[in-house]
Amino acid sequence: MHRVLTGPLRLETATVAIADLPEHLHGIKIIQLSDFHYEGWGLSEQLLQEAIATSNREDPDLVVLTGDYVTQDPAPIRQLVDRLKTLKHRAGIYAVLGNHDIKPPEAQVKIIQALTHAGIRVLWNEVAYPFGNGLALVGMADLYSGEFKPAPVLMPIAPKTPRIVLSHNPATAEILRKWRVDLQLSGHTHGGQIVLPIVGPIPTKLKAIRSWVPQLLRPWLPWMQDCYKVYNHWHWCEGFYRVGPNALYVNRGLGTYFPGRFFCPPEVTAIVLKSGLSE
């Protein structure tokens, strides 16, 4: 059914130049998967297996997961991680949590425990070095957790050390522009979820649409306001962006929730790193 409503799963590929990247890391491949919402109708078993198979065919060095494994109920996380354990990699699977993973606190604990038990390392304001000291992998706490604190995480990293930052919400790119971030990988937006031909992702147009609606009628359109409570930077809803000196990539994710996806294909992202100055 997802093919009818959204189009088929897409493998998005890119090569990213990283300054100071050691020569022996030139050509490493990273797969990003995001926003599973593995709960009820949010993600079909067929699409999940297709995404895992796509990732495995790419033969990645590293797999990163950028949050929202469930929607409300954490119970399906164990079934999800049983599937994710079949992801192929050479240097590990690393994950951060999304806004749907952190409330209530006991749900957050269950999700971290399930991922960890499956051999997936969860980074919460932490730095890992999957390939040695030549490349830092930074995982941030979710923006809505109240624990998103980049300074104590990023400042100890040597200035000449390139770093990739996993942060579920792309809005954090505005905060992170104070620090060196060679590549930020985010999700959260689902690519806007509803994409109309010519018009594009609907959330990117909501401010304009709302400005055309008479003041008396605006209370009847609360979803427009709520959309910007979820995320204010809808102009960063999919693909690559430059935020100050830093690079941001926003993955459209795999799953969905109400009102569903329309003409917004789910995504697996394959990124190859190369040595050199970023463009």
Protein backbone atom coordinates (compact mmCIF):
# COMPACT_ATOMS: atom_id res chain seq x y z
CA MET A 1 0.00 0.00 0.00
CA HIS A 2 2.88 2.41 0.73
CA ARG A 3 3.89 2.33 -2.94
CA VAL A 4 0.45 3.63 -3.93
CA LEU A 5 0.42 6.50 -1.45
CA THR A 6 4.08 7.51 -1.33
CA GLY A 7 5.90 5.93 -4.23
CA PRO A 8 8.58 3.24 -3.86
CA LEU A 9 11.43 3.33 -1.40
CA ARG A 10 14.31 5.47 -2.68
CA LEU A 11 18.00 5.05 -2.13
CA GLU A 12 19.46 8.55 -1.99
CA THR A 13 23.22 8.70 -2.55
CA ALA A 14 25.81 11.42 -2.07
CA THR A 15 29.55 11.93 -1.80
CA VAL A 16 30.62 14.42 0.87
CA ALA A 17 34.05 16.04 1.08
CA ILE A 18 35.39 16.27 4.63
CA ALA A 19 38.30 18.54 5.49
CA ASP A 20 41.12 16.84 7.43
CA LEU A 21 39.68 13.38 6.79
CA PRO A 22 42.55 10.87 7.00
CA GLU A 23 43.39 9.23 3.70
CA HIS A 24 42.64 5.76 5.05
CA LEU A 25 39.03 6.87 5.66
CA HIS A 26 38.58 8.17 2.12
CA GLY A 27 35.70 6.25 0.56
CA ILE A 28 33.99 4.94 3.70
CA LYS A 29 30.24 4.52 3.28
CA ILE A 30 27.61 5.44 5.86
CA ILE A 31 23.99 4.34 5.69
CA GLN A 32 21.39 6.47 7.46
CA LEU A 33 17.94 5.17 8.43
CA SER A 34 15.47 7.35 10.28
CA ASP A 35 11.93 7.77 11.65
CA PHE A 36 10.67 4.19 11.70
CA HIS A 37 7.47 4.76 13.70
CA TYR A 38 7.26 1.00 13.96
CA GLU A 39 3.85 0.86 15.56
CA GLY A 40 0.64 -0.25 13.89
CA TRP A 41 0.19 1.28 10.45
CA GLY A 42 3.20 3.63 10.73
CA LEU A 43 5.61 1.24 9.00
CA SER A 44 4.80 -1.97 7.16
CA GLU A 45 6.87 -5.10 7.61
CA GLN A 46 7.36 -5.17 3.85
CA LEU A 47 8.86 -1.66 3.74
CA LEU A 48 11.10 -2.31 6.74
CA GLN A 49 12.52 -5.47 5.16
CA GLU A 50 12.98 -3.64 1.87
CA ALA A 51 14.91 -0.87 3.63
CA ILE A 52 17.16 -3.36 5.44
CA ALA A 53 17.81 -5.25 2.20
CA THR A 54 18.65 -1.98 0.43
CA SER A 55 21.09 -1.04 3.17
CA ASN A 56 22.75 -4.45 3.09
CA ARG A 57 23.21 -4.34 -0.68
CA GLU A 58 25.16 -1.10 -0.23
CA ASP A 59 27.65 -2.99 1.97
CA PRO A 60 28.20 -0.03 4.35
CA ASP A 61 31.06 0.53 6.72
CA LEU A 62 28.78 2.18 9.27
CA VAL A 63 25.01 2.35 9.88
CA VAL A 64 23.45 5.25 11.77
CA LEU A 65 19.88 5.52 13.04
CA THR A 66 18.52 8.99 13.72
CA GLY A 67 15.52 8.42 15.95
CA ASP A 68 11.77 7.90 16.31
CA TYR A 69 11.73 4.13 16.47
CA VAL A 70 8.14 4.08 17.77
CA THR A 71 5.31 6.60 17.94
CA GLN A 72 3.55 6.28 21.30
CA ASP A 73 3.86 2.72 22.56
CA PRO A 74 7.42 1.44 23.18
CA ALA A 75 6.32 -2.21 23.14
CA PRO A 76 7.14 -2.83 19.44
CA ILE A 77 10.79 -1.82 19.93
CA ARG A 78 11.93 -5.39 20.64
CA GLN A 79 10.39 -6.66 17.44
CA LEU A 80 11.99 -3.76 15.54
CA VAL A 81 15.48 -4.38 16.91
CA ASP A 82 15.19 -8.05 15.99
CA ARG A 83 14.93 -6.83 12.38
CA LEU A 84 17.64 -4.18 12.74
CA LYS A 85 20.13 -6.79 13.99
CA THR A 86 20.28 -8.08 10.41
CA LEU A 87 21.80 -4.83 9.13
CA LYS A 88 25.28 -5.44 7.72
CA HIS A 89 28.19 -3.19 8.67
CA ARG A 90 31.93 -3.22 9.36
CA ALA A 91 32.28 -0.67 12.14
CA GLY A 92 28.98 -0.86 13.99
CA ILE A 93 25.45 0.53 14.24
CA TYR A 94 25.03 3.78 16.17
CA ALA A 95 21.79 5.48 17.17
CA VAL A 96 20.31 8.60 18.69
CA LEU A 97 16.80 9.03 20.05
CA GLY A 98 13.99 11.16 18.64
CA ASN A 99 11.18 13.08 20.29
CA HIS A 100 8.84 10.07 20.14
CA ASP A 101 11.39 7.92 21.99
CA ILE A 102 11.85 9.98 25.13
CA LYS A 103 8.43 10.21 26.79
CA PRO A 104 7.51 8.89 29.23
CA PRO A 105 10.94 8.30 30.80
CA GLU A 106 10.27 4.58 31.22
CA ALA A 107 9.70 4.34 27.46
CA GLN A 108 13.10 5.93 26.85
CA VAL A 109 14.72 3.37 29.14
CA LYS A 110 13.03 0.47 27.32
CA ILE A 111 14.11 1.75 23.92
CA ILE A 112 17.73 2.29 24.98
CA GLN A 113 17.85 -1.14 26.59
CA ALA A 114 16.41 -2.87 23.53
CA LEU A 115 18.79 -1.14 21.12
CA THR A 116 21.79 -1.79 23.35
CA HIS A 117 20.85 -5.45 23.80
CA ALA A 118 20.82 -5.79 20.01
CA GLY A 119 24.37 -4.45 19.79
CA ILE A 120 23.32 -0.98 18.66
CA ARG A 121 25.18 1.75 20.53
CA VAL A 122 22.97 4.62 21.63
CA LEU A 123 24.73 7.99 21.86
CA TRP A 124 23.21 10.56 24.21
CA ASN A 125 25.49 13.59 24.29
CA GLU A 126 28.40 11.26 23.59
CA VAL A 127 31.29 10.91 21.17
CA ALA A 128 32.39 7.63 19.60
CA TYR A 129 35.32 6.82 17.31
CA PRO A 130 34.22 3.86 15.15
CA PHE A 131 37.25 4.24 12.85
CA GLY A 132 39.80 5.46 15.39
CA ASN A 133 40.79 9.00 16.32
CA GLY A 134 40.61 10.30 12.75
CA LEU A 135 36.82 10.79 12.72
CA ALA A 136 34.48 11.59 15.61
CA LEU A 137 30.87 10.42 15.60
CA VAL A 138 28.78 12.61 17.89
CA GLY A 139 25.31 11.66 19.08
CA MET A 140 23.19 14.39 20.65
CA ALA A 141 20.28 14.21 23.06
CA ASP A 142 16.95 15.09 21.46
CA LEU A 143 16.21 18.81 21.33
CA TYR A 144 12.93 18.40 23.24
CA SER A 145 14.54 16.43 26.08
CA GLY A 146 15.98 19.52 27.74
CA GLU A 147 19.37 17.80 27.69
CA PHE A 148 20.61 18.98 24.30
CA LYS A 149 23.94 20.49 25.41
CA PRO A 150 26.49 20.59 22.60
CA ALA A 151 29.25 22.60 24.29
CA PRO A 152 30.50 19.94 26.74
CA VAL A 153 30.22 17.30 24.01
CA LEU A 154 31.93 19.11 21.13
CA MET A 155 34.52 21.28 22.85
CA PRO A 156 36.79 18.40 23.98
CA ILE A 157 37.16 17.17 20.38
CA ALA A 158 40.47 18.28 18.84
CA PRO A 159 39.82 21.19 16.43
CA LYS A 160 41.45 19.40 13.48
CA THR A 161 39.40 16.24 14.01
CA PRO A 162 36.50 15.97 11.54
CA ARG A 163 33.17 15.10 13.08
CA ILE A 164 29.78 13.80 12.02
CA VAL A 165 26.88 14.74 14.30
CA LEU A 166 23.70 12.69 14.68
CA SER A 167 20.84 14.88 15.86
CA HIS A 168 17.23 13.87 15.30
CA ASN A 169 15.80 17.36 14.89
CA PRO A 170 17.31 19.43 12.02
CA ALA A 171 16.48 22.64 13.91
CA THR A 172 19.53 21.94 16.06
CA ALA A 173 21.69 22.93 13.08
CA GLU A 174 20.97 26.55 14.02
CA ILE A 175 22.47 25.97 17.46
CA LEU A 176 25.33 23.81 16.20
CA ARG A 177 26.58 26.41 13.74
CA LYS A 178 28.72 27.77 16.60
CA TRP A 179 30.87 24.65 16.39
CA ARG A 180 32.63 22.73 13.66
CA VAL A 181 30.20 20.15 12.24
CA ASP A 182 31.43 18.61 9.02
CA LEU A 183 28.14 16.80 8.48
CA GLN A 184 24.96 16.72 10.55
CA LEU A 185 22.56 13.84 9.90
CA SER A 186 18.95 14.41 10.97
CA GLY A 187 15.42 13.16 10.37
CA HIS A 188 12.20 14.26 12.12
CA THR A 189 10.47 15.97 9.18
CA HIS A 190 9.35 12.94 7.12
CA GLY A 191 10.14 15.14 4.13
CA GLY A 192 7.01 17.15 4.87
CA GLN A 193 4.87 13.97 4.66
CA ILE A 194 2.47 15.44 2.09
CA VAL A 195 4.06 16.59 -1.15
CA LEU A 196 2.00 17.99 -4.01
CA PRO A 197 3.22 18.18 -7.60
CA ILE A 198 4.60 21.64 -8.45
CA VAL A 199 3.65 22.94 -4.96
CA GLY A 200 6.15 20.73 -3.09
CA PRO A 201 6.02 19.75 0.61
CA ILE A 202 2.90 21.26 2.13
CA PRO A 203 4.52 22.34 5.44
CA THR A 204 6.93 24.60 3.56
CA LYS A 205 3.93 26.59 2.35
CA LEU A 206 1.91 26.74 5.56
CA LYS A 207 3.07 30.17 6.73
CA ALA A 208 2.08 31.68 3.40
CA ILE A 209 -1.25 29.84 3.37
CA ARG A 210 -2.00 30.94 6.92
CA SER A 211 -1.27 34.57 6.07
CA TRP A 212 -3.98 34.41 3.38
CA VAL A 213 -6.60 33.05 5.81
CA PRO A 214 -8.76 35.70 7.52
CA GLN A 215 -8.03 36.15 11.23
CA LEU A 216 -11.51 34.94 12.25
CA LEU A 217 -11.00 31.65 10.44
CA ARG A 218 -7.51 30.85 11.72
CA PRO A 219 -8.71 29.18 14.97
CA TRP A 220 -10.44 26.64 12.73
CA LEU A 221 -7.10 25.72 11.20
CA PRO A 222 -5.10 24.76 14.30
CA TRP A 223 -3.10 22.15 12.43
CA MET A 224 -1.22 24.94 10.71
CA GLN A 225 -0.02 26.30 14.04
CA ASP A 226 0.71 22.84 15.42
CA CYS A 227 2.89 22.05 12.43
CA TYR A 228 5.28 24.82 13.43
CA LYS A 229 5.29 23.65 17.03
CA VAL A 230 6.66 20.36 15.75
CA TYR A 231 9.29 22.02 13.57
CA ASN A 232 9.86 25.63 12.61
CA HIS A 233 12.48 25.18 9.87
CA TRP A 234 10.38 23.45 7.23
CA HIS A 235 12.69 24.94 4.61
CA TRP A 236 15.09 22.23 5.83
CA CYS A 237 12.81 19.25 5.30
CA GLU A 238 14.79 16.92 3.00
CA GLY A 239 18.21 16.67 1.43
CA PHE A 240 21.35 18.79 1.84
CA TYR A 241 21.59 22.29 3.28
CA ARG A 242 24.38 24.64 4.28
CA VAL A 243 23.81 26.17 7.73
CA GLY A 244 26.53 28.70 8.23
CA PRO A 245 29.82 26.82 7.76
CA ASN A 246 28.23 23.43 8.48
CA ALA A 247 26.55 20.82 6.28
CA LEU A 248 23.13 19.38 7.17
CA TYR A 249 21.43 16.37 5.61
CA VAL A 250 17.77 15.64 6.41
CA ASN A 251 16.50 12.11 5.76
CA ARG A 252 12.80 11.71 4.83
CA GLY A 253 12.50 8.66 7.05
CA LEU A 254 10.68 5.37 6.56
CA GLY A 255 7.52 5.51 8.65
CA THR A 256 4.69 7.91 9.19
CA TYR A 257 1.80 8.94 11.40
CA PHE A 258 -1.48 10.81 10.90
CA PRO A 259 -2.39 12.04 8.32
CA GLY A 260 0.07 9.77 6.49
CA ARG A 261 2.52 10.24 3.61
CA PHE A 262 1.49 11.29 0.14
CA PHE A 263 3.94 11.51 -2.79
CA CYS A 264 6.76 11.54 -0.24
CA PRO A 265 8.89 8.42 -0.83
CA PRO A 266 10.52 6.74 2.17
CA GLU A 267 14.29 6.90 2.12
CA VAL A 268 17.51 5.04 2.77
CA THR A 269 20.55 7.32 2.53
CA ALA A 270 24.03 6.20 1.47
CA ILE A 271 26.81 8.74 1.99
CA VAL A 272 30.40 8.22 0.89
CA LEU A 273 33.06 10.37 2.56
CA LYS A 274 36.04 11.69 0.65
CA SER A 275 39.10 13.64 1.70
CA GLY A 276 39.10 17.32 0.85
CA LEU A 277 37.45 20.63 1.52
CA SER A 278 33.66 20.67 1.72
CA GLU A 279 31.97 22.66 -1.01
